[in-house]
Amino acid sequence: MPDDNEKKISLEKLSEILSTIQNIYYKKNEQIEELQQEIADLKDVLNYLNSIISIQSFHSADELYQEAKNKLENSDLPIEEYFQEEIPDDNAKGTKIKSKIFSEDDNLLCILNFIDSNIIDIKFIEPEVRNIQETSEDFIGIFVREALLPIKDKNPELEVNYRHYKDSNIIENIEILNIKSIKDFDLIVTKLRELLL
């Protein structure tokens, strides 16, 4: 059994611990209050900045719309001229549009690059798994008949080159030259997606 002296020492130690914990608790409480005040101040600043940005964006968009509307009203060009499908060669140089096709479980299947609004470069990821061949029924039915032939009908200068995987008949890359329209690129992307999915 502990004597009275030991009990006194134990109570003193417990009192010290209690006092220390209480001090920590009150300090933390004060810090929480300070943080809450800082957070409230930051929220006010954010709300103020957001309101300024929103107002400016609205004014900018409104001004741009009015400018475009005025240009159209004062222009001799028919409206169709503003939406050309074909991009002039000088404007197309150095441009590159990239499109990627993913499987339903987010695996990358294919990358398409539309370069200088003239060349489409198609790269199949893991071509040995895709096993796409020039003679395969799906490739001919979906890609050749529904994409390449309609484009070729409008554009006889169209050229298609195939690069094969290792020493097989499996297509790894397709290069399509003399593309004239972004719509042709969109058609190629759509039909490849249909072929791969």
Protein backbone atom coordinates (compact mmCIF):
# COMPACT_ATOMS: atom_id res chain seq x y z
CA MET A 1 0.00 0.00 0.00
CA PRO A 2 1.40 3.47 -0.91
CA ASP A 3 2.02 5.72 2.07
CA ASP A 4 0.63 9.27 2.39
CA ASN A 5 3.85 10.79 1.04
CA GLU A 6 3.63 8.77 -2.19
CA LYS A 7 -0.06 9.69 -2.59
CA LYS A 8 0.86 13.35 -2.19
CA ILE A 9 3.60 13.10 -4.87
CA SER A 10 1.19 11.28 -7.24
CA LEU A 11 -1.47 13.95 -6.75
CA GLU A 12 1.08 16.70 -7.37
CA LYS A 13 2.21 15.03 -10.61
CA LEU A 14 -1.38 14.59 -11.75
CA SER A 15 -2.10 18.23 -10.92
CA GLU A 16 0.94 19.32 -12.96
CA ILE A 17 -0.18 17.18 -15.90
CA LEU A 18 -3.72 18.57 -15.63
CA SER A 19 -2.39 22.12 -15.54
CA THR A 20 -0.14 21.50 -18.57
CA ILE A 21 -2.98 19.94 -20.57
CA GLN A 22 -5.33 22.80 -19.65
CA ASN A 23 -2.73 25.35 -20.79
CA ILE A 24 -2.30 23.51 -24.11
CA TYR A 25 -6.09 23.32 -24.52
CA TYR A 26 -6.59 27.06 -23.97
CA LYS A 27 -3.69 27.95 -26.28
CA LYS A 28 -5.10 25.71 -29.02
CA ASN A 29 -8.53 27.25 -28.52
CA GLU A 30 -7.04 30.71 -28.96
CA GLN A 31 -5.19 29.56 -32.09
CA ILE A 32 -8.43 28.11 -33.49
CA GLU A 33 -10.22 31.42 -32.90
CA GLU A 34 -7.38 33.31 -34.59
CA LEU A 35 -7.43 30.89 -37.55
CA GLN A 36 -11.20 31.22 -37.87
CA GLN A 37 -10.83 34.99 -37.96
CA GLU A 38 -8.05 34.72 -40.60
CA ILE A 39 -10.22 32.33 -42.67
CA ALA A 40 -13.16 34.76 -42.45
CA ASP A 41 -10.87 37.62 -43.58
CA LEU A 42 -9.54 35.52 -46.48
CA LYS A 43 -13.11 34.61 -47.51
CA ASP A 44 -13.99 38.31 -47.64
CA VAL A 45 -10.94 39.02 -49.83
CA LEU A 46 -11.76 36.07 -52.14
CA ASN A 47 -15.38 37.16 -52.48
CA TYR A 48 -14.28 40.69 -53.28
CA LEU A 49 -11.75 39.50 -55.93
CA ASN A 50 -14.30 37.11 -57.46
CA SER A 51 -16.84 39.88 -57.76
CA ILE A 52 -14.28 42.13 -59.51
CA ILE A 53 -13.27 39.31 -61.90
CA SER A 54 -16.92 38.46 -62.66
CA ILE A 55 -17.77 42.06 -63.39
CA GLN A 56 -14.68 42.49 -65.58
CA SER A 57 -15.34 39.20 -67.42
CA PHE A 58 -18.92 40.19 -68.06
CA HIS A 59 -17.85 43.60 -69.39
CA SER A 60 -15.09 42.02 -71.53
CA ALA A 61 -17.40 39.40 -73.02
CA ASP A 62 -20.10 42.00 -73.63
CA GLU A 63 -17.63 44.36 -75.31
CA LEU A 64 -16.22 41.55 -77.50
CA TYR A 65 -19.74 40.56 -78.54
CA GLN A 66 -20.62 44.16 -79.43
CA GLU A 67 -17.36 44.57 -81.40
CA ALA A 68 -17.98 41.34 -83.35
CA LYS A 69 -21.60 42.32 -84.00
CA ASN A 70 -20.53 45.76 -85.26
CA LYS A 71 -17.91 44.22 -87.56
CA LEU A 72 -20.46 41.83 -89.04
CA GLU A 73 -23.00 44.62 -89.55
CA ASN A 74 -20.44 46.91 -91.22
CA SER A 75 -18.77 44.22 -93.34
CA ASP A 76 -19.38 43.53 -97.03
CA LEU A 77 -18.38 39.87 -96.58
CA PRO A 78 -21.19 37.33 -96.39
CA ILE A 79 -21.40 35.61 -92.99
CA GLU A 80 -20.35 32.24 -94.51
CA GLU A 81 -16.88 33.69 -95.12
CA TYR A 82 -16.31 33.83 -91.37
CA PHE A 83 -16.74 30.07 -91.04
CA GLN A 84 -14.44 28.63 -93.69
CA GLU A 85 -13.77 24.93 -93.47
CA GLU A 86 -10.50 25.22 -95.36
CA ILE A 87 -7.67 27.02 -93.64
CA PRO A 88 -5.29 29.00 -95.87
CA ASP A 89 -1.84 27.38 -96.08
CA ASP A 90 -0.06 30.41 -94.63
CA ASN A 91 -2.29 30.38 -91.53
CA ALA A 92 -1.98 26.61 -91.11
CA LYS A 93 1.81 26.39 -90.98
CA GLY A 94 3.02 25.33 -87.53
CA THR A 95 -0.43 24.33 -86.27
CA LYS A 96 -1.01 21.00 -84.58
CA ILE A 97 -4.23 19.52 -83.24
CA LYS A 98 -3.94 16.38 -81.12
CA SER A 99 -6.71 13.89 -80.44
CA LYS A 100 -6.53 10.75 -78.31
CA ILE A 101 -8.81 7.73 -78.28
CA PHE A 102 -9.23 5.86 -74.99
CA SER A 103 -10.87 2.55 -74.17
CA GLU A 104 -13.83 2.42 -71.78
CA ASP A 105 -11.42 1.60 -68.94
CA ASP A 106 -9.22 4.63 -69.82
CA ASN A 107 -6.40 2.84 -71.67
CA LEU A 108 -4.86 4.91 -74.48
CA LEU A 109 -5.56 3.19 -77.81
CA CYS A 110 -4.54 5.71 -80.43
CA ILE A 111 -3.05 9.20 -80.92
CA LEU A 112 -3.92 11.40 -83.90
CA ASN A 113 -2.02 14.55 -84.83
CA PHE A 114 -3.40 17.00 -87.39
CA ILE A 115 -0.27 18.85 -88.55
CA ASP A 116 -0.27 22.10 -90.54
CA SER A 117 -3.97 21.45 -91.30
CA ASN A 118 -2.74 19.15 -94.05
CA ILE A 119 -1.32 15.92 -92.59
CA ILE A 120 -2.94 13.45 -90.22
CA ASP A 121 -0.50 11.20 -88.37
CA ILE A 122 -2.12 8.23 -86.61
CA LYS A 123 -0.23 6.08 -84.11
CA PHE A 124 -1.75 2.93 -82.64
CA ILE A 125 -0.68 2.11 -79.10
CA GLU A 126 0.23 -1.58 -78.69
CA PRO A 127 -0.49 -2.35 -82.36
CA GLU A 128 0.08 -6.06 -81.80
CA VAL A 129 -2.90 -6.03 -79.40
CA ARG A 130 -5.14 -3.97 -81.72
CA ASN A 131 -4.18 -6.23 -84.67
CA ILE A 132 -5.50 -3.83 -87.32
CA GLN A 133 -4.62 -4.88 -90.87
CA GLU A 134 -5.33 -3.32 -94.26
CA THR A 135 -7.24 -6.44 -95.31
CA SER A 136 -9.35 -6.82 -92.15
CA GLU A 137 -13.11 -6.57 -92.69
CA ASP A 138 -13.73 -3.95 -89.98
CA PHE A 139 -10.88 -1.75 -91.18
CA ILE A 140 -12.16 -1.78 -94.77
CA GLY A 141 -15.84 -1.46 -93.80
CA ILE A 142 -15.54 1.27 -91.17
CA PHE A 143 -12.37 3.21 -91.88
CA VAL A 144 -11.74 2.87 -95.62
CA ARG A 145 -15.34 2.92 -96.92
CA GLU A 146 -16.81 5.38 -94.40
CA ALA A 147 -13.86 7.77 -93.95
CA LEU A 148 -11.10 7.53 -96.57
CA LEU A 149 -13.27 7.00 -99.69
CA PRO A 150 -15.70 9.90 -98.98
CA ILE A 151 -12.70 12.20 -98.37
CA LYS A 152 -10.96 10.91 -101.52
CA ASP A 153 -14.13 11.59 -103.56
CA LYS A 154 -13.98 15.27 -102.59
CA ASN A 155 -10.20 15.42 -102.70
CA PRO A 156 -8.48 13.22 -105.34
CA GLU A 157 -5.02 14.39 -104.12
CA LEU A 158 -5.45 12.46 -100.86
CA GLU A 159 -2.56 10.09 -100.10
CA VAL A 160 -2.44 7.34 -97.48
CA ASN A 161 0.76 5.65 -96.26
CA TYR A 162 0.96 2.72 -93.86
CA ARG A 163 3.83 1.71 -91.59
CA HIS A 164 3.66 -1.82 -90.26
CA TYR A 165 4.58 -3.27 -86.88
CA LYS A 166 7.93 -5.08 -87.10
CA ASP A 167 7.74 -7.53 -90.03
CA SER A 168 4.01 -8.16 -89.82
CA ASN A 169 0.86 -7.01 -91.66
CA ILE A 170 -0.31 -5.20 -88.52
CA ILE A 171 -0.61 -1.42 -88.97
CA GLU A 172 1.38 0.67 -86.47
CA ASN A 173 1.10 4.11 -88.11
CA ILE A 174 -1.06 5.72 -90.78
CA GLU A 175 -0.07 8.96 -92.48
CA ILE A 176 -2.76 10.77 -94.46
CA LEU A 177 -1.56 13.62 -96.69
CA ASN A 178 -3.35 16.53 -98.40
CA ILE A 179 -6.23 16.86 -95.96
CA LYS A 180 -8.13 20.04 -96.78
CA SER A 181 -10.69 20.40 -93.99
CA ILE A 182 -11.03 20.10 -90.23
CA LYS A 183 -14.25 18.19 -90.93
CA ASP A 184 -12.17 15.48 -92.63
CA PHE A 185 -10.02 15.20 -89.50
CA ASP A 186 -13.17 14.94 -87.35
CA LEU A 187 -14.50 12.18 -89.63
CA ILE A 188 -11.21 10.24 -89.35
CA VAL A 189 -11.29 10.53 -85.53
CA THR A 190 -14.94 9.41 -85.39
CA LYS A 191 -14.41 6.37 -87.62
CA LEU A 192 -11.22 5.32 -85.82
CA ARG A 193 -13.05 5.53 -82.52
CA GLU A 194 -15.80 3.33 -83.97
CA LEU A 195 -13.18 0.86 -85.25
CA LEU A 196 -11.30 0.65 -81.94
CA LEU A 197 -14.19 0.57 -79.46
